Amino acid sequence: MKNHIKKFRSTAKLSQAELAKRCKVSRQTINAIENDKYDPTLQLAFDIACVLGTTVDELFISESIEE
């Protein structure tokens, strides 16, 4: 699953560590999600979207939809 977390995080001027802290996960988790190495749980996806002031639909793109 592709995502736009890095773009939204940069716009919000948040580091990976700060986003992780606000979402109650490790910085490594945020890094893995941004680099498409890990798909977050639905709850974490909603938490990230909330912190970044957007929706899950705006953050995540299903690869099957892109094709």
C-alpha atoms as a PDB file:
ATOM      1  CA  MET A   1       0.000   0.000   0.000  1.00  0.00           C
ATOM      2  CA  LYS A   2       1.466   3.354  -1.043  1.00  0.00           C
ATOM      3  CA  ASN A   3       1.123   6.438   1.130  1.00  0.00           C
ATOM      4  CA  HIS A   4       1.664  10.186   1.273  1.00  0.00           C
ATOM      5  CA  ILE A   5       2.619  10.371   4.948  1.00  0.00           C
ATOM      6  CA  LYS A   6       6.007  11.968   4.330  1.00  0.00           C
ATOM      7  CA  LYS A   7       4.442  14.744   2.227  1.00  0.00           C
ATOM      8  CA  PHE A   8       1.768  15.517   4.840  1.00  0.00           C
ATOM      9  CA  ARG A   9       4.291  15.208   7.685  1.00  0.00           C
ATOM     10  CA  SER A  10       6.661  17.656   5.976  1.00  0.00           C
ATOM     11  CA  THR A  11       3.825  20.114   5.375  1.00  0.00           C
ATOM     12  CA  ALA A  12       2.919  19.884   9.066  1.00  0.00           C
ATOM     13  CA  LYS A  13       6.614  20.402   9.942  1.00  0.00           C
ATOM     14  CA  LEU A  14       6.698  17.231  12.036  1.00  0.00           C
ATOM     15  CA  SER A  15       9.631  14.878  12.368  1.00  0.00           C
ATOM     16  CA  GLN A  16       9.115  11.147  12.249  1.00  0.00           C
ATOM     17  CA  ALA A  17       9.843  11.096  15.982  1.00  0.00           C
ATOM     18  CA  GLU A  18       7.196  13.729  16.761  1.00  0.00           C
ATOM     19  CA  LEU A  19       4.556  11.994  14.637  1.00  0.00           C
ATOM     20  CA  ALA A  20       5.442   8.699  16.300  1.00  0.00           C
ATOM     21  CA  LYS A  21       5.145  10.225  19.771  1.00  0.00           C
ATOM     22  CA  ARG A  22       1.716  11.689  18.989  1.00  0.00           C
ATOM     23  CA  CYS A  23       0.552   8.339  17.592  1.00  0.00           C
ATOM     24  CA  LYS A  24       2.099   6.365  20.477  1.00  0.00           C
ATOM     25  CA  VAL A  25       4.349   4.236  18.259  1.00  0.00           C
ATOM     26  CA  SER A  26       8.089   4.139  17.611  1.00  0.00           C
ATOM     27  CA  ARG A  27       9.889   6.315  15.068  1.00  0.00           C
ATOM     28  CA  GLN A  28      10.923   3.093  13.348  1.00  0.00           C
ATOM     29  CA  THR A  29       7.250   2.231  12.825  1.00  0.00           C
ATOM     30  CA  ILE A  30       6.596   5.560  11.109  1.00  0.00           C
ATOM     31  CA  ASN A  31       9.736   5.091   9.010  1.00  0.00           C
ATOM     32  CA  ALA A  32       8.657   1.593   7.953  1.00  0.00           C
ATOM     33  CA  ILE A  33       5.183   2.811   6.996  1.00  0.00           C
ATOM     34  CA  GLU A  34       6.570   5.755   4.994  1.00  0.00           C
ATOM     35  CA  ASN A  35       8.910   3.407   3.129  1.00  0.00           C
ATOM     36  CA  ASP A  36       6.151   0.885   2.316  1.00  0.00           C
ATOM     37  CA  LYS A  37       7.756  -1.796   4.501  1.00  0.00           C
ATOM     38  CA  TYR A  38       4.797  -2.061   6.892  1.00  0.00           C
ATOM     39  CA  ASP A  39       1.039  -1.540   6.569  1.00  0.00           C
ATOM     40  CA  PRO A  40      -0.396   0.080   9.690  1.00  0.00           C
ATOM     41  CA  THR A  41      -3.417  -1.203  11.547  1.00  0.00           C
ATOM     42  CA  LEU A  42      -6.657   0.574  10.740  1.00  0.00           C
ATOM     43  CA  GLN A  43      -6.531   2.334  14.117  1.00  0.00           C
ATOM     44  CA  LEU A  44      -2.979   3.558  13.517  1.00  0.00           C
ATOM     45  CA  ALA A  45      -3.929   4.762  10.028  1.00  0.00           C
ATOM     46  CA  PHE A  46      -6.745   6.825  11.560  1.00  0.00           C
ATOM     47  CA  ASP A  47      -4.415   8.133  14.288  1.00  0.00           C
ATOM     48  CA  ILE A  48      -1.820   9.243  11.732  1.00  0.00           C
ATOM     49  CA  ALA A  49      -4.486  10.916   9.587  1.00  0.00           C
ATOM     50  CA  CYS A  50      -5.901  12.728  12.620  1.00  0.00           C
ATOM     51  CA  VAL A  51      -2.490  14.037  13.720  1.00  0.00           C
ATOM     52  CA  LEU A  52      -1.733  15.173  10.159  1.00  0.00           C
ATOM     53  CA  GLY A  53      -5.137  16.829   9.760  1.00  0.00           C
ATOM     54  CA  THR A  54      -6.304  14.726   6.836  1.00  0.00           C
ATOM     55  CA  THR A  55      -8.219  11.549   6.052  1.00  0.00           C
ATOM     56  CA  VAL A  56      -7.099   7.961   5.636  1.00  0.00           C
ATOM     57  CA  ASP A  57      -8.270   8.174   2.013  1.00  0.00           C
ATOM     58  CA  GLU A  58      -5.911  11.093   1.375  1.00  0.00           C
ATOM     59  CA  LEU A  59      -2.946   9.361   3.042  1.00  0.00           C
ATOM     60  CA  PHE A  60      -3.133   5.847   1.645  1.00  0.00           C
ATOM     61  CA  ILE A  61      -3.522   4.543  -1.908  1.00  0.00           C
ATOM     62  CA  SER A  62      -4.316   0.925  -2.607  1.00  0.00           C
ATOM     63  CA  GLU A  63      -1.951  -0.422  -5.258  1.00  0.00           C
ATOM     64  CA  SER A  64      -4.796  -2.381  -6.840  1.00  0.00           C
ATOM     65  CA  ILE A  65      -6.697   0.886  -7.421  1.00  0.00           C
ATOM     66  CA  GLU A  66      -3.696   2.564  -9.084  1.00  0.00           C
ATOM     67  CA  GLU A  67      -3.432  -0.139 -11.755  1.00  0.00           C
END
